[in-house]
C-alpha cells in the first residue's frame, strides 16, 4: 500500500524563520538523542493539553496548532546525515516531545517520513508514541513499510482528573486494540504511564492495565517526569502536588512499583511486562534489548525467561581499549571504566553516552549521576537505600 499523498491544502505550514527563532533553542533543534533513540521533532504544537506533558519544559505548551519547522524531506536528510546516526543500528523516535504523531493533521507527515526512511532500505528501530485515535486504514499504512522495525507505543494512564488528563483514556485503549488486531509488520506496546501513587495506581487501574495487556505485544510501565515547569502548571491550575520535590529523572516510587509487580506475579494471564521502553520494544520484535539492560540484572527479574536468554546471548562486555578510544573521541575526561554492569564515563552529556550505549549494546553511565541498585534510571524519591534508610 502506498502512503497517502499530502496535498498542498493538507500539508502543515512551515514556520517562518522569525517564528522559529522565537522558540526555545532546544525546541528549534529538531534532533535530540534520547535513551530510546535519535529523536526527530520537525513538527511542534499539540491541542491535547495533558497536564504533565514535557512540552512544559520547552515552553510551548500554549502552542496548540501543529506547525512544521521544515519540510519532511529536509527532516529526513538531517536525521540520516546526523553525526550520531548509524544505518540499521541507531534507534529512531518520531515526534515524541512536541506533538502527537497520530493527530489527523500530523500523521500524513509521519507516514511521509516513514516512507522516505523505508525506501532507503533502512532497518532501524523506529518508535512512535501516541495517545490519539488510530484507525484500521492507518494500520494498513503502518504495515506497508517493508524494512523499518516499527513500533507504535500507545500511552494509557487511566487518569480520571480532566485537569491533568483531558484526553479520555478510552481513546488510547481503542487505538491499542485496533493496532494489535491489525498488526502484521509493526508491533504495538501498551505504554502504561505516568503512574502516580493515589492518582492512577488503584486495584481498578491495575486491572484495567491487565486487560489492555492482552491487546499488546508487550507492556511497559513507568512514572512521572516532575520538573519545576510542571510544578508551576500545577500551581497555576490549583492541582494537588503529587510529590514534595522535583527530580531530573522519572519518579516511580518503590511501593507503587511493588503493587504492580504483586498483581503481575499473582496472575499469569498478564502479557509480558517491562520496566524499560527498549526492553519492551526489543521483546515485541523478538530481539535482544539494544540498550544492554541485561547488565543491570535486577531489571530482568520480571522478564520472560526466553527474553533473558536472548539478551544474555547478545550481551558482550566491550574491550576497555575500544571504549576508551571512542569515549575520548567524543570528549570524555577522567577515567573510563567498563564493569560488569555498564560503561562509566566522565565529561560526556547524554547524547554521546547514548551513542556509545547503542554502539556497544552496553549501558553507559555518567559517574557523576550514578544509577542506584534497583531504582536504575529513576529518581530517588520514594525509594529506600540498601541500608534501610530513605534515598530521598
Protein backbone atom coordinates (compact mmCIF):
# COMPACT_ATOMS: atom_id res chain seq x y z
CA UNK A 1 0.00 0.00 0.00
CA UNK A 2 1.33 3.44 -0.91
CA UNK A 3 1.49 6.23 1.61
CA UNK A 4 -1.39 8.73 1.22
CA UNK A 5 -0.33 11.82 -0.73
CA UNK A 6 -0.02 15.09 1.14
CA UNK A 7 -1.86 17.62 -0.96
CA UNK A 8 -0.91 21.27 -0.88
CA UNK A 9 -4.04 22.16 1.09
CA UNK A 10 -3.48 19.43 3.65
CA UNK A 11 0.21 19.96 4.33
CA UNK A 12 1.07 21.68 7.58
CA UNK A 13 2.55 25.13 7.05
CA UNK A 14 6.22 25.69 7.85
CA UNK A 15 7.03 28.32 10.45
CA UNK A 16 8.87 31.36 9.19
CA UNK A 17 12.49 31.86 10.33
CA UNK A 18 11.48 34.63 12.75
CA UNK A 19 8.89 32.36 14.40
CA UNK A 20 11.41 29.53 14.66
CA UNK A 21 13.90 31.99 16.12
CA UNK A 22 11.41 32.77 18.87
CA UNK A 23 11.26 29.15 20.03
CA UNK A 24 13.35 27.81 22.87
CA UNK A 25 16.65 26.65 21.43
CA UNK A 26 16.08 23.01 22.38
CA UNK A 27 12.74 23.03 20.58
CA UNK A 28 14.12 24.63 17.42
CA UNK A 29 16.81 21.92 17.25
CA UNK A 30 14.82 19.15 15.58
CA UNK A 31 17.12 16.26 16.55
CA UNK A 32 17.72 15.16 20.13
CA UNK A 33 19.41 11.95 21.25
CA UNK A 34 17.35 10.19 23.90
CA UNK A 35 17.83 6.83 25.54
CA UNK A 36 15.26 5.15 23.33
CA UNK A 37 16.64 6.66 20.15
CA UNK A 38 17.65 9.59 18.00
CA UNK A 39 14.54 11.73 18.26
CA UNK A 40 13.26 13.68 15.24
CA UNK A 41 10.85 16.52 16.10
CA UNK A 42 10.21 18.61 13.00
CA UNK A 43 6.58 19.35 13.97
CA UNK A 44 5.61 21.33 17.09
CA UNK A 45 2.26 22.19 18.62
CA UNK A 46 -0.41 19.98 20.19
CA UNK A 47 -4.02 20.55 21.31
CA UNK A 48 -4.25 17.62 23.76
CA UNK A 49 -3.34 19.62 26.92
CA UNK A 50 -2.02 16.78 29.11
CA UNK A 51 -1.01 18.49 32.35
CA UNK A 52 2.23 16.54 32.78
CA UNK A 53 3.43 16.91 29.18
CA UNK A 54 7.13 17.54 28.55
CA UNK A 55 6.06 20.45 26.34
CA UNK A 56 6.11 22.48 29.55
CA UNK A 57 9.88 22.01 29.58
CA UNK A 58 10.17 23.52 26.11
CA UNK A 59 7.91 26.48 26.98
CA UNK A 60 5.48 25.80 24.15
CA UNK A 61 2.55 24.26 25.99
CA UNK A 62 0.30 27.06 24.70
CA UNK A 63 1.19 26.26 21.09
CA UNK A 64 -1.93 24.25 20.24
CA UNK A 65 -1.84 24.22 16.44
CA UNK A 66 0.81 21.93 14.89
CA UNK A 67 3.32 23.57 12.58
CA UNK A 68 6.41 22.25 10.78
CA UNK A 69 9.86 23.64 11.35
CA UNK A 70 10.98 22.35 7.95
CA UNK A 71 9.84 20.08 5.14
CA UNK A 72 9.57 16.34 5.67
CA UNK A 73 12.35 15.82 3.16
CA UNK A 74 14.70 18.15 4.99
CA UNK A 75 13.86 16.44 8.29
CA UNK A 76 14.85 13.07 6.84
CA UNK A 77 18.07 14.48 5.40
CA UNK A 78 19.05 15.91 8.76
CA UNK A 79 18.27 12.66 10.55
CA UNK A 80 20.22 10.29 8.30
CA UNK A 81 23.04 12.82 7.99
CA UNK A 82 23.35 13.35 11.73
CA UNK A 83 26.75 12.60 13.24
CA UNK A 84 25.21 10.10 15.66
CA UNK A 85 23.09 8.24 13.10
CA UNK A 86 24.16 4.70 12.23
CA UNK A 87 22.20 2.99 9.42
CA UNK A 88 20.38 -0.15 10.59
CA UNK A 89 21.54 0.36 14.19
CA UNK A 90 20.57 3.68 15.76
CA UNK A 91 17.02 3.53 17.14
CA UNK A 92 14.81 6.40 15.97
CA UNK A 93 11.89 8.18 17.63
CA UNK A 94 9.45 10.39 15.75
CA UNK A 95 7.70 13.38 17.37
CA UNK A 96 7.94 12.33 21.00
CA UNK A 97 8.26 15.72 22.66
CA UNK A 98 6.17 18.43 20.94
CA UNK A 99 3.06 16.92 19.34
CA UNK A 100 1.15 13.66 18.93
CA UNK A 101 2.16 11.85 15.73
CA UNK A 102 -1.32 10.45 15.09
CA UNK A 103 -3.21 13.74 15.07
CA UNK A 104 -5.04 13.94 11.71
CA UNK A 105 -3.01 16.95 10.54
CA UNK A 106 0.26 15.37 11.64
CA UNK A 107 0.10 11.70 10.72
CA UNK A 108 0.36 12.14 6.94
CA UNK A 109 3.71 13.86 7.50
CA UNK A 110 4.74 11.00 9.80
CA UNK A 111 3.78 8.48 7.12
CA UNK A 112 5.72 10.50 4.55
CA UNK A 113 8.88 10.45 6.68
CA UNK A 114 8.48 6.74 7.37
CA UNK A 115 8.12 6.07 3.64
CA UNK A 116 11.30 8.01 2.86
CA UNK A 117 13.26 6.14 5.52
CA UNK A 118 11.86 2.78 4.42
CA UNK A 119 12.61 3.49 0.76
CA UNK A 120 16.28 3.89 1.71
CA UNK A 121 16.23 0.26 2.87
CA UNK A 122 16.90 1.22 6.48
CA UNK A 123 16.09 -1.43 9.09
CA UNK A 124 16.48 0.77 12.16
CA UNK A 125 14.02 0.52 15.02
CA UNK A 126 11.50 3.38 14.77
CA UNK A 127 9.33 4.26 17.76
CA UNK A 128 6.11 6.28 17.54
CA UNK A 129 4.29 7.25 20.76
CA UNK A 130 0.62 8.25 20.64
CA UNK A 131 -2.47 8.57 22.79
CA UNK A 132 -4.75 9.58 19.92
CA UNK A 133 -7.04 7.74 17.51
CA UNK A 134 -5.61 5.07 15.22
CA UNK A 135 -7.91 3.65 12.56
CA UNK A 136 -7.64 0.42 10.54
CA UNK A 137 -6.59 2.42 7.47
CA UNK A 138 -3.68 3.84 9.50
CA UNK A 139 -2.67 0.30 10.39
CA UNK A 140 -2.63 -0.61 6.70
CA UNK A 141 -0.11 2.16 6.08
CA UNK A 142 1.99 1.14 9.08
CA UNK A 143 2.04 -2.44 7.79
CA UNK A 144 3.24 -1.30 4.37
CA UNK A 145 6.79 -0.43 5.42
CA UNK A 146 8.97 -3.33 4.35
CA UNK A 147 12.29 -2.58 6.08
CA UNK A 148 11.88 -0.47 9.21
CA UNK A 149 11.33 -2.20 12.54
CA UNK A 150 8.37 -0.09 13.55
CA UNK A 151 6.76 0.03 16.99
CA UNK A 152 3.72 2.08 18.00
CA UNK A 153 3.62 2.73 21.74
CA UNK A 154 0.16 3.71 22.98
CA UNK A 155 0.21 5.90 26.08
CA UNK A 156 -2.57 4.96 28.50
CA UNK A 157 -2.77 6.38 32.04
CA UNK A 158 -6.42 5.92 33.09
CA UNK A 159 -6.14 9.23 34.98
CA UNK A 160 -9.68 10.49 35.52
CA UNK A 161 -8.94 14.06 36.59
CA UNK A 162 -9.62 16.07 33.43
CA UNK A 163 -7.48 18.95 34.68
CA UNK A 164 -4.48 16.62 34.39
CA UNK A 165 -5.63 14.27 31.65
CA UNK A 166 -8.29 15.91 29.46
CA UNK A 167 -7.98 13.20 26.81
CA UNK A 168 -10.29 10.26 27.51
CA UNK A 169 -8.12 7.20 28.12
CA UNK A 170 -10.70 5.12 26.24
CA UNK A 171 -9.38 6.69 23.04
CA UNK A 172 -5.94 5.21 23.66
CA UNK A 173 -7.45 1.88 24.73
CA UNK A 174 -9.41 1.60 21.49
CA UNK A 175 -6.36 2.56 19.44
CA UNK A 176 -4.33 -0.12 21.19
CA UNK A 177 -6.91 -2.78 20.38
CA UNK A 178 -7.10 -1.64 16.76
CA UNK A 179 -3.32 -1.62 16.35
CA UNK A 180 -2.93 -5.07 17.88
CA UNK A 181 -5.74 -6.58 15.84
CA UNK A 182 -4.25 -5.36 12.55
CA UNK A 183 -0.54 -5.73 13.30
CA UNK A 184 1.47 -7.58 10.67
CA UNK A 185 4.85 -5.93 10.16
CA UNK A 186 4.78 -3.41 13.01
CA UNK A 187 4.42 -4.10 16.74
CA UNK A 188 2.40 -2.30 19.37
CA UNK A 189 3.26 -1.69 23.03
CA UNK A 190 1.00 -0.63 25.90
CA UNK A 191 2.82 2.38 27.37
CA UNK A 192 1.30 2.46 30.86
CA UNK A 193 2.27 5.90 32.08
CA UNK A 194 2.63 8.10 34.00
CA UNK A 195 1.79 6.08 37.09
CA UNK A 196 1.30 8.36 40.10
CA UNK A 197 0.51 6.94 43.57
CA UNK A 198 -3.01 7.80 44.70
CA UNK A 199 -3.97 9.05 41.25
CA UNK A 200 -4.00 6.03 38.97
CA UNK A 201 -2.50 3.05 40.81
CA UNK A 202 -5.65 1.62 42.40
CA UNK A 203 -6.68 -2.01 42.06
CA UNK A 204 -9.12 -0.91 39.33
CA UNK A 205 -6.36 0.93 37.45
CA UNK A 206 -4.11 -2.11 37.62
CA UNK A 207 -6.96 -4.37 36.48
CA UNK A 208 -7.52 -2.05 33.53
CA UNK A 209 -3.86 -2.32 32.53
CA UNK A 210 -4.08 -6.09 32.90
CA UNK A 211 -6.98 -6.21 30.48
CA UNK A 212 -5.22 -3.98 27.97
CA UNK A 213 -2.02 -6.02 28.20
CA UNK A 214 -3.89 -8.73 26.30
CA UNK A 215 -4.01 -6.39 23.31
CA UNK A 216 -0.32 -5.55 23.02
CA UNK A 217 2.89 -7.33 22.11
CA UNK A 218 4.42 -6.00 25.35
CA UNK A 219 3.60 -3.65 28.23
CA UNK A 220 5.98 -1.03 29.63
CA UNK A 221 5.18 0.85 32.85
CA UNK A 222 6.86 3.99 34.13
CA UNK A 223 6.43 7.05 36.32
CA UNK A 224 6.17 10.81 36.09
CA UNK A 225 8.62 13.47 34.99
CA UNK A 226 8.05 16.13 37.65
CA UNK A 227 10.07 19.23 36.88
CA UNK A 228 9.77 22.82 38.06
CA UNK A 229 7.90 23.81 34.89
CA UNK A 230 5.25 21.19 35.59
CA UNK A 231 5.06 22.29 39.24
CA UNK A 232 4.32 25.80 38.00
CA UNK A 233 1.49 24.49 35.82
CA UNK A 234 0.02 22.51 38.71
CA UNK A 235 0.17 25.56 40.96
CA UNK A 236 -1.46 27.79 38.35
CA UNK A 237 -4.35 25.34 37.99
CA UNK A 238 -4.84 24.57 41.66
CA UNK A 239 -3.79 20.94 41.26
CA UNK A 240 -2.64 18.82 44.17
CA UNK A 241 1.09 18.22 44.05
CA UNK A 242 1.89 14.53 43.54
CA UNK A 243 5.33 14.90 45.16
CA UNK A 244 7.01 17.32 47.55
CA UNK A 245 10.06 17.69 45.37
CA UNK A 246 11.09 17.63 41.72
CA UNK A 247 13.62 15.29 40.10
CA UNK A 248 15.75 15.06 36.98
CA UNK A 249 14.63 11.50 36.38
CA UNK A 250 11.18 9.93 36.30
CA UNK A 251 9.61 9.33 39.71
CA UNK A 252 8.33 5.80 40.24
CA UNK A 253 8.17 5.06 44.00
CA UNK A 254 9.12 1.63 45.24
CA UNK A 255 5.71 0.98 46.85
CA UNK A 256 3.87 1.83 43.63
CA UNK A 257 6.08 -0.47 41.62
CA UNK A 258 5.59 -3.27 44.13
CA UNK A 259 1.78 -3.00 43.90
CA UNK A 260 2.05 -3.55 40.17
CA UNK A 261 4.52 -6.41 40.45
CA UNK A 262 2.41 -8.15 43.10
CA UNK A 263 -0.59 -8.09 40.76
CA UNK A 264 1.59 -9.25 37.87
CA UNK A 265 3.03 -12.17 39.85
CA UNK A 266 -0.36 -13.30 41.12
CA UNK A 267 -1.93 -13.59 37.67
CA UNK A 268 -0.15 -15.46 34.91
CA UNK A 269 -2.54 -14.11 32.27
CA UNK A 270 -0.72 -10.76 32.10
CA UNK A 271 1.10 -10.01 28.89
CA UNK A 272 4.88 -9.54 29.08
CA UNK A 273 5.69 -6.64 31.42
CA UNK A 274 8.84 -4.50 31.34
CA UNK A 275 10.35 -1.60 33.27
CA UNK A 276 12.21 -0.14 30.30
CA UNK A 277 10.95 1.01 26.90
CA UNK A 278 13.71 -0.60 24.85
CA UNK A 279 13.16 -3.91 26.66
CA UNK A 280 9.50 -3.97 25.64
CA UNK A 281 10.26 -2.89 22.08
CA UNK A 282 13.01 -5.49 21.66
CA UNK A 283 10.80 -8.26 23.08
CA UNK A 284 7.95 -7.30 20.75
CA UNK A 285 10.29 -7.74 17.77
CA UNK A 286 11.87 -10.94 19.06
CA UNK A 287 15.28 -9.35 19.62
CA UNK A 288 17.71 -8.66 22.44
CA UNK A 289 17.49 -5.26 24.13
CA UNK A 290 19.50 -2.70 22.18
CA UNK A 291 20.21 -0.67 25.35
CA UNK A 292 22.12 -3.51 27.02
CA UNK A 293 19.95 -3.55 30.13
CA UNK A 294 20.95 -7.15 30.79
CA UNK A 295 23.94 -5.73 32.64
CA UNK A 296 21.54 -4.34 35.25
CA UNK A 297 20.36 -7.77 36.31
CA UNK A 298 17.72 -6.62 38.81
CA UNK A 299 15.76 -5.10 35.91
CA UNK A 300 15.36 -8.55 34.39
CA UNK A 301 13.56 -10.26 37.27
CA UNK A 302 10.15 -9.78 35.63
CA UNK A 303 11.24 -10.57 32.05
CA UNK A 304 10.18 -13.78 30.29
CA UNK A 305 12.84 -16.48 30.57
CA UNK A 306 13.23 -16.73 26.81
CA UNK A 307 13.88 -12.99 26.59
CA UNK A 308 16.50 -13.12 29.33
CA UNK A 309 18.29 -15.88 27.42
CA UNK A 310 18.15 -13.84 24.22
CA UNK A 311 19.59 -10.74 25.91
CA UNK A 312 22.27 -12.74 27.70
CA UNK A 313 23.43 -14.29 24.43
CA UNK A 314 23.74 -10.88 22.77
CA UNK A 315 25.31 -9.07 25.74
CA UNK A 316 29.09 -8.84 25.40
CA UNK A 317 31.31 -6.77 27.66
CA UNK A 318 33.26 -4.45 25.34
CA UNK A 319 37.01 -4.10 25.36
CA UNK A 320 38.20 -1.23 27.55
CA UNK A 321 40.66 -0.02 24.90
CA UNK A 322 37.91 0.20 22.28
CA UNK A 323 35.57 2.01 24.64
CA UNK A 324 38.26 4.40 25.81
CA UNK A 325 39.24 5.28 22.25
CA UNK A 326 35.65 6.08 21.25
CA UNK A 327 34.84 7.87 24.52
CA UNK A 328 37.94 10.07 24.23
CA UNK A 329 37.00 10.86 20.66
CA UNK A 330 33.65 12.12 21.93
CA UNK A 331 35.28 14.30 24.59
CA UNK A 332 35.31 12.09 27.69
CA UNK A 333 37.56 13.24 30.52
CA UNK A 334 38.82 11.35 33.55
CA UNK A 335 38.82 7.59 33.93
CA UNK A 336 36.86 5.39 31.54
CA UNK A 337 35.63 2.19 33.18
CA UNK A 338 33.96 -0.95 31.89
CA UNK A 339 32.49 -3.07 34.67
CA UNK A 340 30.04 -5.97 34.69
CA UNK A 341 27.07 -3.59 34.65
CA UNK A 342 27.97 -0.62 32.49
CA UNK A 343 30.49 1.65 30.83
CA UNK A 344 31.20 4.55 33.21
CA UNK A 345 32.49 7.85 31.85
CA UNK A 346 33.07 11.45 32.85
CA UNK A 347 32.56 14.66 30.92
CA UNK A 348 30.00 13.38 28.40
CA UNK A 349 26.43 14.65 28.10
CA UNK A 350 23.57 12.29 27.34
CA UNK A 351 23.84 12.25 23.50
CA UNK A 352 27.41 10.91 23.30
CA UNK A 353 26.69 8.47 26.13
CA UNK A 354 23.71 7.11 24.21
CA UNK A 355 25.85 6.92 21.08
CA UNK A 356 28.30 4.71 22.97
CA UNK A 357 25.47 2.72 24.53
CA UNK A 358 23.78 1.90 21.25
CA UNK A 359 27.09 1.28 19.53
CA UNK A 360 28.30 -1.27 22.07
CA UNK A 361 24.87 -2.58 23.14
CA UNK A 362 26.03 -1.94 26.71
CA UNK A 363 24.81 0.52 29.33
CA UNK A 364 26.79 3.77 29.54
CA UNK A 365 26.56 5.85 32.73
CA UNK A 366 27.84 9.20 33.94
CA UNK A 367 30.00 8.75 37.03
CA UNK A 368 28.54 11.97 38.47
CA UNK A 369 24.96 10.69 38.12
CA UNK A 370 25.06 7.08 39.34
CA UNK A 371 22.27 4.58 38.72
CA UNK A 372 21.47 3.12 42.11
CA UNK A 373 20.71 -0.55 42.65
CA UNK A 374 17.05 -1.44 41.95
CA UNK A 375 15.98 2.14 41.18
CA UNK A 376 18.04 2.14 37.98
CA UNK A 377 17.44 5.27 35.93
CA UNK A 378 14.68 6.55 38.21
CA UNK A 379 14.53 9.33 40.79
CA UNK A 380 15.45 8.56 44.39
CA UNK A 381 12.10 9.87 45.63
CA UNK A 382 10.12 7.07 47.25
CA UNK A 383 12.97 4.57 47.41
CA UNK A 384 14.83 3.03 50.32
CA UNK A 385 18.59 2.71 50.24
CA UNK A 386 20.20 -0.69 50.68
CA UNK A 387 20.99 0.16 54.32
CA UNK A 388 17.29 0.68 55.01
CA UNK A 389 17.25 4.47 55.07
CA UNK A 390 15.15 6.54 52.63
CA UNK A 391 17.01 7.51 49.46
CA UNK A 392 15.21 10.84 49.36
